[in-house]
Amino acid sequence: MGCRIRDIRRKEVINICDGCRLGFVGDVEIKLPEGQVCAIIVFGPYRFFGLFGRGEEYYIPWECIQRIGDDIILIDKPFQRRDPAMERKRRRC
């Protein structure tokens, strides 16, 4: 299957571990001498209407990609999710 980087950037990334939509591919990491794709990078969501930058980005190694479809990329990588309730408790203390 031939695919260009501009085509990959239009695809949405979905984690099959928990069914979470991570976002769209923002960047690709490539080994230059070999021309081999090492990973895809999905930028985090905007914070407060984009005024305070973005959230954490997801670094997804190429080995974690299960399927590349016409409009989505399925990955199998567990991410540690932050619990908002724990964040509130830390702020209060």
N, C-alpha and C. Protein backbone atom coordinates (compact mmCIF):
# COMPACT_ATOMS: atom_id res chain seq x y z
N MET A 1 0.84 -1.18 0.00
CA MET A 1 0.00 0.00 0.00
C MET A 1 0.88 1.23 0.00
N GLY A 2 0.74 2.08 -0.97
CA GLY A 2 1.47 3.33 -1.03
C GLY A 2 0.66 4.43 -0.37
N CYS A 3 1.33 5.26 0.42
CA CYS A 3 0.63 6.31 1.14
C CYS A 3 1.58 7.49 1.33
N ARG A 4 1.09 8.68 1.14
CA ARG A 4 1.89 9.88 1.35
C ARG A 4 1.65 10.42 2.75
N ILE A 5 2.60 11.21 3.22
CA ILE A 5 2.46 11.79 4.56
C ILE A 5 1.25 12.71 4.62
N ARG A 6 0.98 13.44 3.57
CA ARG A 6 -0.18 14.33 3.60
C ARG A 6 -1.49 13.53 3.72
N ASP A 7 -1.50 12.30 3.19
CA ASP A 7 -2.68 11.45 3.34
C ASP A 7 -2.81 10.92 4.76
N ILE A 8 -1.70 10.62 5.39
CA ILE A 8 -1.73 10.12 6.77
C ILE A 8 -2.21 11.21 7.72
N ARG A 9 -1.87 12.46 7.46
CA ARG A 9 -2.26 13.56 8.34
C ARG A 9 -3.77 13.78 8.37
N ARG A 10 -4.49 13.28 7.39
CA ARG A 10 -5.94 13.44 7.34
C ARG A 10 -6.67 12.32 8.08
N LYS A 11 -5.95 11.37 8.61
CA LYS A 11 -6.59 10.21 9.24
C LYS A 11 -6.70 10.41 10.76
N GLU A 12 -7.80 9.92 11.31
CA GLU A 12 -8.03 10.00 12.74
C GLU A 12 -7.46 8.74 13.40
N VAL A 13 -6.87 8.90 14.59
CA VAL A 13 -6.26 7.80 15.30
C VAL A 13 -7.19 7.37 16.43
N ILE A 14 -7.48 6.06 16.47
CA ILE A 14 -8.37 5.50 17.49
C ILE A 14 -7.63 4.36 18.18
N ASN A 15 -7.67 4.37 19.51
CA ASN A 15 -7.03 3.33 20.31
C ASN A 15 -8.02 2.20 20.54
N ILE A 16 -7.68 0.98 20.12
CA ILE A 16 -8.61 -0.14 20.27
C ILE A 16 -8.60 -0.71 21.68
N CYS A 17 -7.65 -0.30 22.53
CA CYS A 17 -7.63 -0.77 23.92
C CYS A 17 -8.86 -0.27 24.68
N ASP A 18 -9.18 1.03 24.50
CA ASP A 18 -10.31 1.60 25.22
C ASP A 18 -11.31 2.31 24.32
N GLY A 19 -11.09 2.29 23.01
CA GLY A 19 -12.00 2.91 22.07
C GLY A 19 -11.92 4.42 22.04
N CYS A 20 -10.87 4.99 22.59
CA CYS A 20 -10.73 6.44 22.69
C CYS A 20 -10.23 7.03 21.38
N ARG A 21 -10.82 8.16 20.99
CA ARG A 21 -10.34 8.91 19.83
C ARG A 21 -9.21 9.82 20.30
N LEU A 22 -8.03 9.65 19.75
CA LEU A 22 -6.89 10.44 20.18
C LEU A 22 -6.75 11.73 19.40
N GLY A 23 -7.23 11.76 18.19
CA GLY A 23 -7.13 12.96 17.35
C GLY A 23 -6.59 12.60 15.99
N PHE A 24 -6.12 13.60 15.28
CA PHE A 24 -5.58 13.40 13.94
C PHE A 24 -4.07 13.42 13.98
N VAL A 25 -3.46 12.72 13.05
CA VAL A 25 -2.00 12.66 12.97
C VAL A 25 -1.48 14.06 12.69
N GLY A 26 -0.52 14.50 13.52
CA GLY A 26 0.04 15.83 13.35
C GLY A 26 1.43 15.81 12.74
N ASP A 27 2.17 14.73 13.00
CA ASP A 27 3.55 14.67 12.52
C ASP A 27 3.95 13.20 12.39
N VAL A 28 5.04 12.97 11.68
CA VAL A 28 5.57 11.63 11.47
C VAL A 28 7.06 11.67 11.75
N GLU A 29 7.57 10.68 12.48
CA GLU A 29 9.00 10.59 12.74
C GLU A 29 9.59 9.56 11.77
N ILE A 30 10.65 9.97 11.06
CA ILE A 30 11.25 9.14 10.02
C ILE A 30 12.75 9.03 10.25
N LYS A 31 13.31 7.83 10.07
CA LYS A 31 14.76 7.66 10.05
C LYS A 31 15.23 8.08 8.67
N LEU A 32 16.09 9.09 8.64
CA LEU A 32 16.47 9.65 7.34
C LEU A 32 17.32 8.75 6.45
N PRO A 33 18.38 8.12 6.94
CA PRO A 33 19.16 7.32 5.98
C PRO A 33 18.35 6.18 5.36
N GLU A 34 17.51 5.53 6.17
CA GLU A 34 16.74 4.39 5.66
C GLU A 34 15.40 4.80 5.05
N GLY A 35 14.87 5.96 5.46
CA GLY A 35 13.55 6.37 4.99
C GLY A 35 12.43 5.58 5.64
N GLN A 36 12.69 5.05 6.82
CA GLN A 36 11.73 4.20 7.53
C GLN A 36 10.92 5.05 8.52
N VAL A 37 9.61 4.86 8.55
CA VAL A 37 8.75 5.57 9.50
C VAL A 37 8.90 4.91 10.86
N CYS A 38 9.27 5.69 11.87
CA CYS A 38 9.46 5.18 13.23
C CYS A 38 8.19 5.31 14.06
N ALA A 39 7.50 6.44 13.92
CA ALA A 39 6.35 6.70 14.77
C ALA A 39 5.47 7.78 14.15
N ILE A 40 4.24 7.84 14.65
CA ILE A 40 3.36 8.96 14.31
C ILE A 40 3.11 9.74 15.60
N ILE A 41 2.87 11.02 15.45
CA ILE A 41 2.65 11.88 16.60
C ILE A 41 1.28 12.54 16.44
N VAL A 42 0.47 12.41 17.49
CA VAL A 42 -0.86 13.01 17.50
C VAL A 42 -0.81 14.14 18.52
N PHE A 43 -1.10 15.36 18.07
CA PHE A 43 -1.08 16.50 18.98
C PHE A 43 -2.27 16.44 19.92
N GLY A 44 -2.06 16.92 21.14
CA GLY A 44 -3.13 16.93 22.14
C GLY A 44 -4.18 17.98 21.82
N PRO A 45 -5.27 17.95 22.56
CA PRO A 45 -6.34 18.93 22.32
C PRO A 45 -5.93 20.33 22.79
N TYR A 46 -6.58 21.33 22.19
CA TYR A 46 -6.32 22.71 22.61
C TYR A 46 -6.84 22.93 24.02
N ARG A 47 -6.16 23.82 24.74
CA ARG A 47 -6.60 24.19 26.08
C ARG A 47 -7.24 25.57 26.03
N PHE A 48 -8.37 25.71 26.60
CA PHE A 48 -9.08 26.98 26.76
C PHE A 48 -9.06 27.80 25.48
N PHE A 49 -9.72 27.32 24.47
CA PHE A 49 -9.89 27.99 23.18
C PHE A 49 -8.55 28.27 22.48
N GLY A 50 -7.52 27.49 22.79
CA GLY A 50 -6.24 27.64 22.12
C GLY A 50 -5.34 28.72 22.70
N LEU A 51 -5.79 29.38 23.76
CA LEU A 51 -4.98 30.46 24.34
C LEU A 51 -3.80 29.94 25.14
N PHE A 52 -3.92 28.76 25.72
CA PHE A 52 -2.87 28.22 26.57
C PHE A 52 -2.16 27.04 25.94
N GLY A 53 -2.12 26.99 24.63
CA GLY A 53 -1.41 25.94 23.94
C GLY A 53 -2.22 24.66 23.83
N ARG A 54 -1.50 23.56 23.73
CA ARG A 54 -2.12 22.25 23.56
C ARG A 54 -1.83 21.37 24.76
N GLY A 55 -2.61 20.29 24.85
CA GLY A 55 -2.36 19.27 25.86
C GLY A 55 -1.18 18.40 25.45
N GLU A 56 -0.98 17.34 26.16
CA GLU A 56 0.12 16.43 25.86
C GLU A 56 -0.08 15.78 24.50
N GLU A 57 1.03 15.56 23.81
CA GLU A 57 0.94 14.88 22.53
C GLU A 57 1.18 13.39 22.73
N TYR A 58 0.64 12.60 21.83
CA TYR A 58 0.79 11.16 21.87
C TYR A 58 1.85 10.72 20.89
N TYR A 59 2.85 9.99 21.37
CA TYR A 59 3.90 9.43 20.53
C TYR A 59 3.56 7.96 20.34
N ILE A 60 3.28 7.56 19.12
CA ILE A 60 2.82 6.20 18.84
C ILE A 60 3.83 5.51 17.95
N PRO A 61 4.58 4.54 18.49
CA PRO A 61 5.54 3.81 17.66
C PRO A 61 4.84 3.05 16.53
N TRP A 62 5.54 2.86 15.45
CA TRP A 62 4.97 2.21 14.27
C TRP A 62 4.52 0.79 14.58
N GLU A 63 5.17 0.13 15.53
CA GLU A 63 4.81 -1.24 15.89
C GLU A 63 3.43 -1.33 16.54
N CYS A 64 2.94 -0.24 17.11
CA CYS A 64 1.64 -0.24 17.78
C CYS A 64 0.47 -0.06 16.81
N ILE A 65 0.76 0.28 15.57
CA ILE A 65 -0.31 0.47 14.59
C ILE A 65 -0.81 -0.89 14.12
N GLN A 66 -2.11 -1.11 14.26
CA GLN A 66 -2.72 -2.38 13.87
C GLN A 66 -3.23 -2.34 12.42
N ARG A 67 -3.98 -1.29 12.09
CA ARG A 67 -4.57 -1.17 10.75
C ARG A 67 -4.58 0.30 10.33
N ILE A 68 -4.38 0.50 9.03
CA ILE A 68 -4.53 1.82 8.44
C ILE A 68 -5.63 1.71 7.41
N GLY A 69 -6.73 2.41 7.69
CA GLY A 69 -7.87 2.37 6.79
C GLY A 69 -7.93 3.60 5.91
N ASP A 70 -9.08 3.78 5.24
CA ASP A 70 -9.26 4.93 4.36
C ASP A 70 -9.31 6.24 5.14
N ASP A 71 -9.92 6.22 6.34
CA ASP A 71 -10.06 7.45 7.09
C ASP A 71 -9.64 7.35 8.55
N ILE A 72 -9.26 6.16 9.04
CA ILE A 72 -8.81 6.03 10.42
C ILE A 72 -7.56 5.15 10.51
N ILE A 73 -6.86 5.31 11.61
CA ILE A 73 -5.72 4.45 11.95
C ILE A 73 -6.03 3.83 13.30
N LEU A 74 -6.03 2.51 13.38
CA LEU A 74 -6.27 1.80 14.63
C LEU A 74 -4.94 1.44 15.27
N ILE A 75 -4.81 1.80 16.56
CA ILE A 75 -3.59 1.47 17.28
C ILE A 75 -3.94 0.62 18.49
N ASP A 76 -2.94 -0.06 19.02
CA ASP A 76 -3.11 -0.88 20.21
C ASP A 76 -2.02 -0.50 21.19
N LYS A 77 -2.27 0.56 21.96
CA LYS A 77 -1.29 1.04 22.93
C LYS A 77 -2.03 1.59 24.14
N PRO A 78 -1.83 0.99 25.31
CA PRO A 78 -2.49 1.53 26.51
C PRO A 78 -1.80 2.82 26.96
N PHE A 79 -2.59 3.84 27.24
CA PHE A 79 -2.08 5.11 27.75
C PHE A 79 -2.56 5.28 29.18
N GLN A 80 -1.73 5.90 29.99
CA GLN A 80 -2.14 6.21 31.35
C GLN A 80 -2.99 7.47 31.31
N ARG A 81 -4.20 7.35 31.78
CA ARG A 81 -5.12 8.49 31.81
C ARG A 81 -5.04 9.16 33.17
N ARG A 82 -5.07 10.46 33.17
CA ARG A 82 -5.10 11.21 34.42
C ARG A 82 -6.53 11.28 34.91
N ASP A 83 -6.69 11.05 36.20
CA ASP A 83 -8.01 11.10 36.80
C ASP A 83 -8.29 12.54 37.23
N PRO A 84 -9.31 13.21 36.68
CA PRO A 84 -9.58 14.60 37.06
C PRO A 84 -9.90 14.76 38.54
N ALA A 85 -10.50 13.74 39.15
CA ALA A 85 -10.81 13.83 40.58
C ALA A 85 -9.52 13.88 41.40
N MET A 86 -8.53 13.13 41.00
CA MET A 86 -7.25 13.15 41.71
C MET A 86 -6.55 14.49 41.53
N GLU A 87 -6.68 15.09 40.36
CA GLU A 87 -6.08 16.40 40.10
C GLU A 87 -6.70 17.45 41.03
N ARG A 88 -8.02 17.39 41.24
CA ARG A 88 -8.69 18.36 42.12
C ARG A 88 -8.23 18.18 43.55
N LYS A 89 -8.05 16.93 43.99
CA LYS A 89 -7.62 16.67 45.36
C LYS A 89 -6.22 17.20 45.58
N ARG A 90 -5.35 17.08 44.59
CA ARG A 90 -3.99 17.58 44.74
C ARG A 90 -3.96 19.09 44.86
N ARG A 91 -4.84 19.77 44.16
CA ARG A 91 -4.87 21.24 44.19
C ARG A 91 -5.34 21.74 45.54
N ARG A 92 -6.26 21.01 46.17
CA ARG A 92 -6.82 21.44 47.45
C ARG A 92 -5.81 21.32 48.58
N CYS A 93 -4.93 20.34 48.51
CA CYS A 93 -3.99 20.10 49.61
C CYS A 93 -2.90 21.14 49.64
